[in-house]
């Protein structure tokens, strides 16, 4: 599969999973962990320091692994060359190997997790033969064992990191176990066995969602690779089934609604699938079923360039990595165009792709860094992006805290904002509060194109308005008509007028020229294609914006801002994007 995603087939009701008609989507009532759950998790981690937990980690030392699974996902040779040169890089950050200190890494949590998981072994193996790569891998692993082999502490012994570490140590055993030092080899294998025993009792204590899935994947992998693991394998498969059942919606999307996490899930399950194949076993049906549902959902949030759209704090991971993950999964499927539970609607006509967030934000229990993005959309023309969201740093570089918080706001997404406030509250501790509780959705497909009408109640309590957005994409993809309406609702009625703004963030490289009447603009894409923008019901301005790219780095861009004032009876703004020429 190339870096540019496949063109979707024409829309047909039913076979493509599109159910015409209205549906009401409500957010779950669970907003976070209870006090009892937080206390139990705290006690579980405190127990790591006790002699009882140390006793649980003791057992027979494995002399070897039963198989060496092939990693189905190739690493990045450029990142591997950086490791050969002395730096582990991840999402715009780097850490020097000659000063590496696992007890005090001094980097962002994203890079720290990457180093602790040993996922960088994939890149190292892609850049050098074993005789060059093995000494580097062994040197780093010796440092990790010295720091944490017998010292059970976070983050190194976090359950999800142990799950990933077992998979990477197994896949790259030729790099980390090629030494003739029998004491070192024994320490590595014993460390892996101790990690597996740690997960036997701790996997279900990992946070619900991707972290718990990763932990149980480690249990299953250890059951397949460490001698005498049949009982562990059965235990692990049962736990993994529970974790997937809690984390995945019926349409295959993760409950945290993050496309980046969805991609990581597919990569993780593909790695686990390879462990079964290395043991000449058929992968567990639960793994095949999860991949079969997760892949179409992921494809449903890719844009015309094959990369991910930016939702729930995720940067637009590149099309090459997305294609590699799909290839590794062995699943061949068309993009899911209507994920009612996961909450994304995909419209495609001609070469134009639109992804719309048509659901409430995820609940705090399953999400970290959730965004107030309901009814925002992204738009691309073939391989060129036009309308975007600002994105975020999930899986990317370290950004200033104030910028990271701003990227979660409604104003950082291409949608309507009332009084510069968020449609769902974002608390100081990072959790999400009150706001969007219901989204009403109506989608129709016809010979003339695709039409979606959706509304949310995020502004009803504070301002007395429902935000309704209508999108109509023409069959040839050359015209997108939209309307944002504020409808009076609820008991709250404001005597004075309320200011609002409809924001359309533009991709970096899009040149913007305003029209003489300030009600439109000419938009030139980097490849020279032209689009026209027109609006009514407000005044248009061009303002600065930014976009967090696939490397997690902010890049300057512009945004079209249509401002207006809503009286007590409401307001509406009509707008149009039209391909010129």
Protein backbone atom coordinates (compact mmCIF):
# COMPACT_ATOMS: atom_id res chain seq x y z
CA UNK A 1 0.00 0.00 0.00
CA UNK A 2 1.38 3.41 -0.90
CA UNK A 3 1.69 6.35 1.47
CA UNK A 4 -1.40 7.88 -0.08
CA UNK A 5 -4.58 6.12 1.02
CA UNK A 6 -6.90 4.39 -1.44
CA UNK A 7 -9.81 6.26 -2.95
CA UNK A 8 -13.11 5.30 -1.36
CA UNK A 9 -15.82 3.73 -3.52
CA UNK A 10 -19.01 5.68 -4.24
CA UNK A 11 -21.33 6.06 -1.28
CA UNK A 12 -24.07 3.47 -1.01
CA UNK A 13 -26.42 3.25 1.93
CA UNK A 14 -26.08 0.01 3.83
CA UNK A 15 -23.08 -1.87 2.41
CA UNK A 16 -20.66 0.90 3.41
CA UNK A 17 -22.07 0.93 6.91
CA UNK A 18 -23.92 4.21 6.45
CA UNK A 19 -27.27 4.20 8.18
CA UNK A 20 -29.39 7.10 6.99
CA UNK A 21 -31.58 8.88 9.47
CA UNK A 22 -31.30 10.41 12.92
CA UNK A 23 -29.55 9.11 15.95
CA UNK A 24 -28.95 10.53 19.42
CA UNK A 25 -25.47 9.96 20.87
CA UNK A 26 -25.07 10.42 24.61
CA UNK A 27 -21.86 10.59 26.60
CA UNK A 28 -21.34 7.96 29.27
CA UNK A 29 -22.10 9.06 32.82
CA UNK A 30 -18.79 7.77 34.25
CA UNK A 31 -16.46 10.79 34.44
CA UNK A 32 -13.43 9.22 36.13
CA UNK A 33 -12.05 6.84 38.71
CA UNK A 34 -13.81 6.71 42.04
CA UNK A 35 -11.96 7.45 45.26
CA UNK A 36 -11.96 3.74 46.10
CA UNK A 37 -10.44 2.87 42.72
CA UNK A 38 -7.73 5.50 43.06
CA UNK A 39 -6.92 4.25 46.55
CA UNK A 40 -6.75 0.64 45.36
CA UNK A 41 -4.37 1.60 42.55
CA UNK A 42 -2.18 3.50 44.98
CA UNK A 43 -2.04 0.55 47.37
CA UNK A 44 -1.21 -1.79 44.49
CA UNK A 45 1.85 0.30 43.59
CA UNK A 46 2.91 0.59 47.21
CA UNK A 47 2.80 -3.21 47.41
CA UNK A 48 5.59 -3.37 44.82
CA UNK A 49 8.05 -2.46 47.58
CA UNK A 50 6.99 -5.23 49.94
CA UNK A 51 8.81 -8.55 50.48
CA UNK A 52 5.62 -10.34 49.38
CA UNK A 53 5.79 -8.84 45.90
CA UNK A 54 9.49 -9.64 45.69
CA UNK A 55 8.61 -13.23 46.58
CA UNK A 56 5.97 -13.33 43.82
CA UNK A 57 8.58 -12.32 41.25
CA UNK A 58 10.81 -15.30 42.10
CA UNK A 59 10.68 -18.46 40.06
CA UNK A 60 12.54 -20.65 37.61
CA UNK A 61 14.99 -18.91 35.34
CA UNK A 62 14.24 -19.64 31.67
CA UNK A 63 17.30 -20.80 29.74
CA UNK A 64 15.94 -19.58 26.40
CA UNK A 65 12.87 -18.32 24.59
CA UNK A 66 10.76 -20.86 22.75
CA UNK A 67 10.73 -18.73 19.60
CA UNK A 68 11.90 -15.41 18.17
CA UNK A 69 8.90 -13.71 16.54
CA UNK A 70 9.48 -11.52 13.51
CA UNK A 71 8.39 -7.93 14.05
CA UNK A 72 5.79 -7.37 11.29
CA UNK A 73 6.48 -3.62 11.25
CA UNK A 74 9.73 -2.31 9.83
CA UNK A 75 11.62 0.37 11.70
CA UNK A 76 12.68 3.79 10.47
CA UNK A 77 16.25 3.63 9.11
CA UNK A 78 16.74 7.37 9.65
CA UNK A 79 15.92 7.04 13.34
CA UNK A 80 18.16 3.97 13.45
CA UNK A 81 21.05 5.95 11.99
CA UNK A 82 20.53 8.52 14.74
CA UNK A 83 20.91 5.73 17.33
CA UNK A 84 24.11 4.60 15.64
CA UNK A 85 25.29 8.21 15.92
CA UNK A 86 24.50 8.21 19.64
CA UNK A 87 20.94 9.55 20.05
CA UNK A 88 17.51 7.96 20.51
CA UNK A 89 14.99 10.27 18.83
CA UNK A 90 11.24 10.33 19.18
CA UNK A 91 8.69 12.93 18.13
CA UNK A 92 11.13 15.82 17.80
CA UNK A 93 13.10 15.02 20.99
CA UNK A 94 16.37 13.20 21.48
CA UNK A 95 18.36 11.68 24.32
CA UNK A 96 22.09 11.04 24.16
CA UNK A 97 23.26 7.47 24.76
CA UNK A 98 26.60 8.49 26.25
CA UNK A 99 24.86 10.29 29.13
CA UNK A 100 21.86 7.96 29.43
CA UNK A 101 20.74 7.53 33.03
CA UNK A 102 17.58 5.46 33.43
CA UNK A 103 17.08 6.67 36.97
CA UNK A 104 16.86 10.30 35.77
CA UNK A 105 16.12 10.55 32.06
CA UNK A 106 15.09 14.20 32.19
CA UNK A 107 12.90 14.04 29.09
CA UNK A 108 9.17 14.17 28.34
CA UNK A 109 7.00 11.24 29.38
CA UNK A 110 6.48 10.32 25.71
CA UNK A 111 10.21 9.94 25.04
CA UNK A 112 10.78 8.26 28.41
CA UNK A 113 8.13 5.65 27.58
CA UNK A 114 9.72 5.09 24.16
CA UNK A 115 13.13 4.47 25.73
CA UNK A 116 11.79 2.23 28.53
CA UNK A 117 9.67 0.15 26.15
CA UNK A 118 12.69 -0.61 23.92
CA UNK A 119 10.57 0.20 20.88
CA UNK A 120 13.67 1.92 19.46
CA UNK A 121 15.16 -1.55 18.83
CA UNK A 122 12.90 -1.65 15.75
CA UNK A 123 14.63 1.42 14.27
CA UNK A 124 18.11 0.24 15.23
CA UNK A 125 17.55 -3.10 13.52
CA UNK A 126 16.39 -1.32 10.36
CA UNK A 127 19.60 0.71 10.13
CA UNK A 128 22.42 -1.72 10.80
CA UNK A 129 23.37 -5.41 10.68
CA UNK A 130 23.50 -7.40 13.90
CA UNK A 131 27.25 -6.99 14.46
CA UNK A 132 26.86 -3.20 14.53
CA UNK A 133 23.50 -2.96 16.29
CA UNK A 134 23.95 -5.61 19.00
CA UNK A 135 26.69 -3.81 21.00
CA UNK A 136 24.53 -0.68 21.25
CA UNK A 137 21.39 -2.60 22.20
CA UNK A 138 23.30 -4.64 24.78
CA UNK A 139 24.92 -1.56 26.33
CA UNK A 140 21.56 0.15 26.85
CA UNK A 141 19.94 -3.01 28.18
CA UNK A 142 22.78 -3.52 30.67
CA UNK A 143 22.09 -0.01 31.95
CA UNK A 144 18.38 -0.73 32.26
CA UNK A 145 19.01 -3.95 34.19
CA UNK A 146 21.45 -2.20 36.51
CA UNK A 147 18.85 0.47 37.27
CA UNK A 148 15.63 -1.55 37.34
CA UNK A 149 16.36 -5.26 37.05
CA UNK A 150 15.84 -5.69 40.80
CA UNK A 151 14.32 -2.30 41.58
CA UNK A 152 10.56 -2.41 41.08
CA UNK A 153 9.45 1.16 40.48
CA UNK A 154 7.69 3.42 38.01
CA UNK A 155 7.89 4.17 35.22
CA UNK A 156 10.03 1.18 34.30
CA UNK A 157 7.74 -1.41 35.88
CA UNK A 158 4.49 0.14 34.73
CA UNK A 159 2.32 -2.67 33.40
CA UNK A 160 1.84 -1.32 29.88
CA UNK A 161 5.58 -0.74 29.46
CA UNK A 162 6.35 -4.28 30.58
CA UNK A 163 3.83 -5.59 28.08
CA UNK A 164 5.47 -3.72 25.22
CA UNK A 165 8.98 -4.50 26.48
CA UNK A 166 8.35 -8.24 26.42
CA UNK A 167 7.25 -8.00 22.78
CA UNK A 168 10.27 -5.96 21.74
CA UNK A 169 12.80 -7.99 23.71
CA UNK A 170 11.44 -11.15 22.13
CA UNK A 171 11.37 -9.80 18.56
CA UNK A 172 14.90 -8.42 18.83
CA UNK A 173 16.43 -11.21 20.90
CA UNK A 174 19.23 -11.56 18.31
CA UNK A 175 20.35 -8.02 19.22
CA UNK A 176 20.07 -8.24 23.00
CA UNK A 177 20.99 -11.92 23.54
CA UNK A 178 23.91 -12.39 21.13
CA UNK A 179 26.50 -11.77 23.85
CA UNK A 180 28.75 -14.58 25.05
CA UNK A 181 28.43 -13.23 28.60
CA UNK A 182 26.30 -15.92 30.23
CA UNK A 183 25.68 -13.82 33.35
CA UNK A 184 24.26 -11.01 31.23
CA UNK A 185 22.12 -13.39 29.16
CA UNK A 186 20.75 -14.95 32.32
CA UNK A 187 19.95 -11.50 33.72
CA UNK A 188 17.99 -10.58 30.58
CA UNK A 189 15.97 -13.77 30.52
CA UNK A 190 15.36 -13.64 34.26
CA UNK A 191 14.29 -10.01 33.92
CA UNK A 192 11.77 -10.97 31.25
CA UNK A 193 10.41 -13.77 33.43
CA UNK A 194 10.14 -11.44 36.44
CA UNK A 195 8.30 -8.91 34.28
CA UNK A 196 5.85 -11.61 33.20
CA UNK A 197 5.17 -12.57 36.82
CA UNK A 198 4.67 -8.90 37.64
CA UNK A 199 2.03 -8.72 34.90
CA UNK A 200 0.28 -11.92 35.97
CA UNK A 201 -1.17 -10.06 38.95
CA UNK A 202 -0.86 -6.46 37.76
CA UNK A 203 -2.17 -6.35 34.19
CA UNK A 204 -5.74 -5.73 35.27
CA UNK A 205 -4.57 -2.86 37.48
CA UNK A 206 -3.35 -0.89 34.45
CA UNK A 207 -5.59 2.00 33.34
CA UNK A 208 -8.55 0.87 31.27
CA UNK A 209 -7.91 1.14 27.54
CA UNK A 210 -4.67 0.86 25.54
CA UNK A 211 -2.48 0.56 28.66
CA UNK A 212 -4.40 -2.46 29.97
CA UNK A 213 -4.46 -4.04 26.51
CA UNK A 214 -0.68 -3.65 26.24
CA UNK A 215 -0.20 -5.25 29.66
CA UNK A 216 -2.31 -8.28 28.76
CA UNK A 217 -0.51 -8.58 25.41
CA UNK A 218 2.67 -9.01 27.46
CA UNK A 219 1.09 -11.78 29.51
CA UNK A 220 -0.02 -13.62 26.36
CA UNK A 221 3.39 -13.21 24.71
CA UNK A 222 5.16 -14.52 27.80
CA UNK A 223 2.76 -17.47 27.90
CA UNK A 224 3.80 -18.35 24.35
CA UNK A 225 7.54 -17.70 24.66
CA UNK A 226 8.56 -18.70 28.19
CA UNK A 227 8.67 -22.49 28.84
CA UNK A 228 5.77 -23.85 30.86
CA UNK A 229 3.43 -21.06 29.90
CA UNK A 230 0.20 -22.86 28.93
CA UNK A 231 -1.62 -21.80 32.09
CA UNK A 232 -0.34 -18.24 31.71
CA UNK A 233 -1.45 -18.21 28.08
CA UNK A 234 -5.02 -19.14 28.98
CA UNK A 235 -5.01 -16.55 31.76
CA UNK A 236 -3.62 -13.91 29.40
CA UNK A 237 -6.09 -14.55 26.60
CA UNK A 238 -9.00 -14.26 29.03
CA UNK A 239 -7.62 -10.99 30.38
CA UNK A 240 -6.96 -9.62 26.91
CA UNK A 241 -10.53 -10.45 25.88
CA UNK A 242 -11.83 -8.44 28.84
CA UNK A 243 -9.53 -5.51 28.13
CA UNK A 244 -10.50 -5.36 24.47
CA UNK A 245 -14.18 -5.66 25.34
CA UNK A 246 -13.91 -2.69 27.69
CA UNK A 247 -11.84 -0.52 25.34
CA UNK A 248 -13.29 -1.13 21.87
CA UNK A 249 -16.67 -0.04 20.61
CA UNK A 250 -18.65 -2.33 18.38
CA UNK A 251 -17.53 -0.37 15.31
CA UNK A 252 -13.87 -0.99 16.19
CA UNK A 253 -12.95 2.44 17.56
CA UNK A 254 -11.27 2.93 20.92
CA UNK A 255 -13.31 4.50 23.69
CA UNK A 256 -10.63 7.20 24.15
CA UNK A 257 -11.45 8.32 20.57
CA UNK A 258 -7.77 8.87 19.71
CA UNK A 259 -6.65 7.96 16.16
CA UNK A 260 -3.01 7.82 17.32
CA UNK A 261 -3.95 5.33 20.05
CA UNK A 262 -5.97 3.39 17.45
CA UNK A 263 -2.86 3.12 15.27
CA UNK A 264 -0.76 1.99 18.23
CA UNK A 265 -3.38 -0.65 19.08
CA UNK A 266 -3.18 -2.12 15.57
CA UNK A 267 0.62 -2.18 15.73
CA UNK A 268 0.52 -3.86 19.15
CA UNK A 269 -1.99 -6.56 18.17
CA UNK A 270 -0.06 -7.21 14.95
CA UNK A 271 3.09 -7.79 17.01
CA UNK A 272 1.23 -10.19 19.28
CA UNK A 273 -0.18 -11.99 16.26
CA UNK A 274 3.38 -12.56 15.06
CA UNK A 275 4.22 -14.30 18.36
CA UNK A 276 1.52 -16.90 17.70
CA UNK A 277 2.85 -17.45 14.19
CA UNK A 278 6.39 -17.87 15.50
CA UNK A 279 5.10 -20.71 17.68
CA UNK A 280 3.24 -22.14 14.66
CA UNK A 281 -0.11 -21.50 16.28
CA UNK A 282 -3.21 -19.88 14.90
CA UNK A 283 -3.68 -16.43 16.47
CA UNK A 284 -6.47 -16.29 19.02
CA UNK A 285 -9.79 -15.37 17.35
CA UNK A 286 -10.18 -12.41 19.70
CA UNK A 287 -7.05 -10.83 18.16
CA UNK A 288 -8.19 -11.39 14.59
CA UNK A 289 -11.63 -10.02 15.42
CA UNK A 290 -10.23 -6.89 17.08
CA UNK A 291 -7.94 -6.19 14.11
CA UNK A 292 -10.75 -6.76 11.63
CA UNK A 293 -12.80 -4.06 13.37
CA UNK A 294 -10.00 -1.65 14.29
CA UNK A 295 -8.44 -1.32 10.83
CA UNK A 296 -11.51 0.07 8.98
CA UNK A 297 -12.08 2.50 11.85
CA UNK A 298 -8.51 3.77 11.58
CA UNK A 299 -8.76 4.14 7.81
CA UNK A 300 -11.94 6.14 8.34
CA UNK A 301 -9.98 8.99 9.96
CA UNK A 302 -7.21 9.22 7.35
CA UNK A 303 -7.11 12.15 4.98
CA UNK A 304 -6.30 12.29 1.27
CA UNK A 305 -2.57 12.12 2.00
CA UNK A 306 -3.00 8.81 3.81
CA UNK A 307 -2.04 10.33 7.16
CA UNK A 308 -4.27 10.62 10.22
CA UNK A 309 -6.51 13.58 10.91
CA UNK A 310 -5.84 15.33 14.23
CA UNK A 311 -8.22 14.43 17.05
CA UNK A 312 -8.02 14.09 20.84
CA UNK A 313 -4.55 15.55 21.09
CA UNK A 314 -3.01 13.45 18.34
CA UNK A 315 -0.61 14.70 15.71
CA UNK A 316 -1.28 13.68 12.08
CA UNK A 317 0.88 10.55 11.97
CA UNK A 318 2.25 10.06 8.46
CA UNK A 319 0.75 7.84 5.79
CA UNK A 320 3.82 5.61 5.59
CA UNK A 321 3.44 4.49 9.21
CA UNK A 322 -0.32 4.04 8.79
CA UNK A 323 0.23 1.89 5.68
CA UNK A 324 2.87 -0.19 7.45
CA UNK A 325 0.49 -0.90 10.34
CA UNK A 326 -2.33 -1.92 7.99
CA UNK A 327 0.05 -4.18 6.07
CA UNK A 328 1.21 -5.81 9.30
CA UNK A 329 -2.36 -6.46 10.40
CA UNK A 330 -3.06 -8.43 7.16
CA UNK A 331 -6.56 -6.90 7.20
CA UNK A 332 -7.85 -5.65 3.86
CA UNK A 333 -10.81 -3.34 4.31
CA UNK A 334 -12.33 -0.11 3.10
CA UNK A 335 -12.39 2.94 5.38
CA UNK A 336 -15.30 2.99 7.81
CA UNK A 337 -17.37 5.95 6.69
CA UNK A 338 -19.76 6.11 9.63
CA UNK A 339 -18.45 5.20 13.06
CA UNK A 340 -21.49 6.09 15.14
CA UNK A 341 -20.03 4.81 18.42
CA UNK A 342 -16.44 5.95 17.90
CA UNK A 343 -17.95 9.20 16.74
CA UNK A 344 -16.34 10.05 13.39
CA UNK A 345 -18.14 10.61 10.11
CA UNK A 346 -16.19 10.31 6.85
CA UNK A 347 -17.50 12.03 3.73
CA UNK A 348 -15.74 11.45 0.42
CA UNK A 349 -16.79 12.61 -3.02
CA UNK A 350 -14.37 12.92 -5.91
CA UNK A 351 -10.96 13.70 -4.41
CA UNK A 352 -12.34 15.55 -1.39
CA UNK A 353 -12.23 13.88 2.04
CA UNK A 354 -13.93 15.26 5.15
CA UNK A 355 -13.70 13.82 8.67
CA UNK A 356 -16.22 15.18 11.18
CA UNK A 357 -16.23 14.73 14.96
CA UNK A 358 -19.87 13.86 15.63
CA UNK A 359 -19.79 12.69 19.25
CA UNK A 360 -19.15 13.97 22.77
CA UNK A 361 -15.55 13.93 24.04
CA UNK A 362 -14.36 10.75 25.76
CA UNK A 363 -14.89 10.33 29.49
CA UNK A 364 -11.94 10.95 31.79
CA UNK A 365 -11.71 7.30 32.84
CA UNK A 366 -10.49 6.24 29.40
CA UNK A 367 -8.85 9.42 28.09
CA UNK A 368 -5.87 11.56 28.92
CA UNK A 369 -5.75 14.92 27.23
CA UNK A 370 -9.25 14.77 25.76
CA UNK A 371 -10.33 17.71 23.60
CA UNK A 372 -13.47 19.84 23.30
CA UNK A 373 -13.72 19.27 19.55
CA UNK A 374 -17.36 18.26 18.95
CA UNK A 375 -18.60 19.15 15.42
CA UNK A 376 -15.14 20.18 14.16
CA UNK A 377 -14.02 18.86 10.79
CA UNK A 378 -10.94 18.45 8.60
CA UNK A 379 -10.91 18.65 4.79
CA UNK A 380 -8.39 17.58 2.16
CA UNK A 381 -8.28 17.76 -1.63
CA UNK A 382 -6.46 14.65 -2.91
CA UNK A 383 -3.08 14.69 -1.14
CA UNK A 384 -3.37 18.31 0.00
CA UNK A 385 -4.88 19.39 3.31
CA UNK A 386 -7.03 22.50 3.36
CA UNK A 387 -9.01 22.72 6.64
CA UNK A 388 -7.39 21.22 9.74
CA UNK A 389 -7.46 21.17 13.52
CA UNK A 390 -4.41 22.44 15.38
CA UNK A 391 -3.61 18.96 16.72
CA UNK A 392 -1.64 18.10 19.83
CA UNK A 393 1.45 16.49 21.27
CA UNK A 394 0.18 12.96 21.94
CA UNK A 395 3.00 10.72 20.82
CA UNK A 396 5.10 13.72 19.87
CA UNK A 397 7.47 16.35 21.20
CA UNK A 398 7.35 18.20 24.47
CA UNK A 399 5.32 21.39 24.11
CA UNK A 400 4.91 24.23 26.63
CA UNK A 401 2.15 23.43 29.10
CA UNK A 402 0.14 26.52 28.18
CA UNK A 403 0.25 25.61 24.49
CA UNK A 404 -0.67 22.00 25.20
CA UNK A 405 -3.73 23.17 27.14
CA UNK A 406 -4.71 25.59 24.39
CA UNK A 407 -4.54 22.85 21.77
CA UNK A 408 -7.29 20.99 23.64
CA UNK A 409 -9.70 23.92 23.44
CA UNK A 410 -12.66 24.27 21.10
CA UNK A 411 -10.97 27.31 19.51
CA UNK A 412 -8.08 25.07 18.36
CA UNK A 413 -10.53 23.11 16.20
CA UNK A 414 -12.43 24.04 13.04
CA UNK A 415 -15.85 24.64 14.54
CA UNK A 416 -18.02 27.28 16.20
CA UNK A 417 -17.03 28.81 19.54
CA UNK A 418 -19.30 30.91 21.78
CA UNK A 419 -17.72 33.68 23.85
CA UNK A 420 -14.29 32.08 23.45
CA UNK A 421 -15.34 29.25 25.79
CA UNK A 422 -15.05 25.50 25.40
CA UNK A 423 -18.04 23.39 24.41
CA UNK A 424 -16.87 20.93 27.09
CA UNK A 425 -15.06 22.28 30.15
CA UNK A 426 -11.36 21.46 30.56
CA UNK A 427 -10.34 21.45 34.23
CA UNK A 428 -7.03 22.64 35.63
CA UNK A 429 -6.01 19.03 36.40
CA UNK A 430 -6.50 18.10 32.73
CA UNK A 431 -9.77 16.24 33.13
CA UNK A 432 -12.91 17.09 31.19
CA UNK A 433 -15.96 18.51 32.92
CA UNK A 434 -19.50 19.41 31.95
CA UNK A 435 -20.41 20.31 28.41
CA UNK A 436 -21.45 18.19 25.48
CA UNK A 437 -23.68 15.41 26.74
CA UNK A 438 -25.72 14.69 23.63
CA UNK A 439 -25.09 14.83 19.90
CA UNK A 440 -27.98 14.44 17.48
CA UNK A 441 -26.90 13.16 14.07
CA UNK A 442 -28.65 12.82 10.73
CA UNK A 443 -26.79 11.61 7.61
CA UNK A 444 -28.11 11.19 4.09
CA UNK A 445 -26.47 9.93 0.89
CA UNK A 446 -27.82 10.58 -2.61
CA UNK A 447 -26.75 11.01 -6.20
CA UNK A 448 -26.10 14.68 -5.49
CA UNK A 449 -23.59 13.96 -2.72
CA UNK A 450 -23.32 13.49 1.04
CA UNK A 451 -25.12 15.50 3.70
CA UNK A 452 -24.68 15.50 7.47
CA UNK A 453 -26.62 17.51 10.03
CA UNK A 454 -25.48 17.30 13.63
CA UNK A 455 -26.02 19.29 16.82
CA UNK A 456 -24.66 19.34 20.35
CA UNK A 457 -25.81 20.72 23.69
CA UNK A 458 -22.45 21.86 25.05
CA UNK A 459 -23.48 25.51 25.26
CA UNK A 460 -27.04 25.07 26.52
CA UNK A 461 -26.34 25.34 30.26
CA UNK A 462 -24.17 28.48 30.01
CA UNK A 463 -25.58 30.33 27.03
CA UNK A 464 -28.95 28.76 26.20
CA UNK A 465 -28.01 27.69 22.67
CA UNK A 466 -27.71 24.39 20.81
CA UNK A 467 -25.00 24.41 18.14
CA UNK A 468 -26.20 22.82 14.91
CA UNK A 469 -23.84 22.24 11.97
CA UNK A 470 -24.85 21.19 8.46
CA UNK A 471 -22.36 19.94 5.86
CA UNK A 472 -23.28 19.15 2.25
CA UNK A 473 -20.52 17.80 -0.02
CA UNK A 474 -21.31 17.78 -3.74
CA UNK A 475 -21.01 14.49 -5.64
CA UNK A 476 -17.94 15.68 -7.56
CA UNK A 477 -16.25 16.85 -4.35
CA UNK A 478 -15.71 20.36 -5.70
CA UNK A 479 -18.10 22.16 -3.35
CA UNK A 480 -18.74 22.01 0.38
CA UNK A 481 -21.68 24.02 1.67
CA UNK A 482 -22.04 24.50 5.39
CA UNK A 483 -24.16 26.28 7.92
CA UNK A 484 -23.65 26.83 11.64
CA UNK A 485 -26.82 27.64 13.56
CA UNK A 486 -27.36 28.66 17.18
CA UNK A 487 -30.81 27.49 18.29
CA UNK A 488 -32.40 28.75 21.55
CA UNK A 489 -32.74 25.90 24.02
CA UNK A 490 -33.12 25.27 27.74
CA UNK A 491 -34.23 27.60 30.47
CA UNK A 492 -31.37 30.02 30.19
CA UNK A 493 -32.26 33.11 28.17
CA UNK A 494 -29.80 35.98 27.82
CA UNK A 495 -31.25 39.44 27.37
CA UNK A 496 -28.00 40.73 25.89
CA UNK A 497 -26.28 39.53 22.75
CA UNK A 498 -23.66 36.77 22.76
CA UNK A 499 -20.58 36.87 20.58
CA UNK A 500 -19.47 33.79 18.67
CA UNK A 501 -16.87 32.84 16.07
CA UNK A 502 -16.70 30.09 13.45
CA UNK A 503 -13.07 29.09 12.94
CA UNK A 504 -11.53 27.33 9.94
CA UNK A 505 -7.87 26.54 10.59
CA UNK A 506 -5.91 26.21 7.34
CA UNK A 507 -3.06 23.84 6.63
CA UNK A 508 0.48 25.27 6.57
CA UNK A 509 1.44 26.41 3.10
CA UNK A 510 -2.07 27.50 2.11
CA UNK A 511 -1.88 31.05 0.77
CA UNK A 512 -4.83 33.25 1.74
CA UNK A 513 -5.99 36.34 -0.18
CA UNK A 514 -9.08 38.13 1.16
CA UNK A 515 -11.75 39.45 -1.18
CA UNK A 516 -12.51 43.15 -1.34
CA UNK A 517 -15.79 42.80 0.58
CA UNK A 518 -14.16 40.83 3.44
CA UNK A 519 -16.76 38.07 3.05
CA UNK A 520 -14.50 35.62 1.32
CA UNK A 521 -10.98 34.57 0.44
CA UNK A 522 -9.02 32.86 -2.30
CA UNK A 523 -7.08 29.85 -1.00
CA UNK A 524 -4.08 28.56 -2.95
CA UNK A 525 -2.82 25.11 -1.99
CA UNK A 526 0.91 24.33 -2.15
CA UNK A 527 0.47 22.45 -5.45
CA UNK A 528 -1.26 25.47 -7.04
CA UNK A 529 -4.88 24.34 -6.83
CA UNK A 530 -7.35 27.05 -5.89
CA UNK A 531 -10.36 27.06 -3.59
CA UNK A 532 -12.77 29.90 -2.92
CA UNK A 533 -14.31 30.63 0.48
CA UNK A 534 -17.47 32.71 0.98
CA UNK A 535 -19.56 33.40 4.07
CA UNK A 536 -22.70 35.24 5.18
CA UNK A 537 -24.12 36.06 8.59
CA UNK A 538 -20.87 37.40 10.02
CA UNK A 539 -17.68 39.30 9.32
CA UNK A 540 -14.59 37.46 8.16
CA UNK A 541 -11.02 37.98 9.33
CA UNK A 542 -7.75 36.21 8.67
CA UNK A 543 -5.76 35.40 11.81
CA UNK A 544 -2.59 33.51 12.66
CA UNK A 545 -2.83 29.88 13.71
CA UNK A 546 -0.56 26.86 14.07
CA UNK A 547 -0.54 23.15 13.28
CA UNK A 548 1.28 20.39 15.13
CA UNK A 549 2.77 18.22 12.38
CA UNK A 550 3.52 14.50 12.28
CA UNK A 551 6.78 15.01 14.20
CA UNK A 552 4.94 16.80 16.99
CA UNK A 553 6.36 20.18 16.02
CA UNK A 554 4.22 23.36 15.77
CA UNK A 555 4.18 25.01 12.35
CA UNK A 556 2.71 28.45 11.59
CA UNK A 557 -0.49 28.68 9.56
CA UNK A 558 -3.59 30.87 9.18
CA UNK A 559 -7.25 30.60 10.07
CA UNK A 560 -10.42 32.07 8.64
CA UNK A 561 -12.56 33.48 11.46
CA UNK A 562 -16.21 34.42 10.88
CA UNK A 563 -17.45 36.45 13.83
CA UNK A 564 -21.02 37.34 14.71
CA UNK A 565 -23.45 38.19 17.48
CA UNK A 566 -26.34 35.98 18.55
CA UNK A 567 -29.48 37.62 19.93
CA UNK A 568 -31.80 35.68 22.21
CA UNK A 569 -33.51 34.19 19.16
CA UNK A 570 -30.26 32.64 17.89
CA UNK A 571 -28.11 33.18 14.80
CA UNK A 572 -26.85 31.39 11.72
CA UNK A 573 -23.75 31.62 9.53
CA UNK A 574 -23.63 30.14 6.05
CA UNK A 575 -20.35 29.38 4.31
CA UNK A 576 -18.96 27.74 1.19
CA UNK A 577 -15.69 26.12 0.09
CA UNK A 578 -15.60 25.76 -3.69
CA UNK A 579 -12.86 24.38 -5.90
CA UNK A 580 -11.88 26.94 -8.56
CA UNK A 581 -10.77 26.05 -12.08
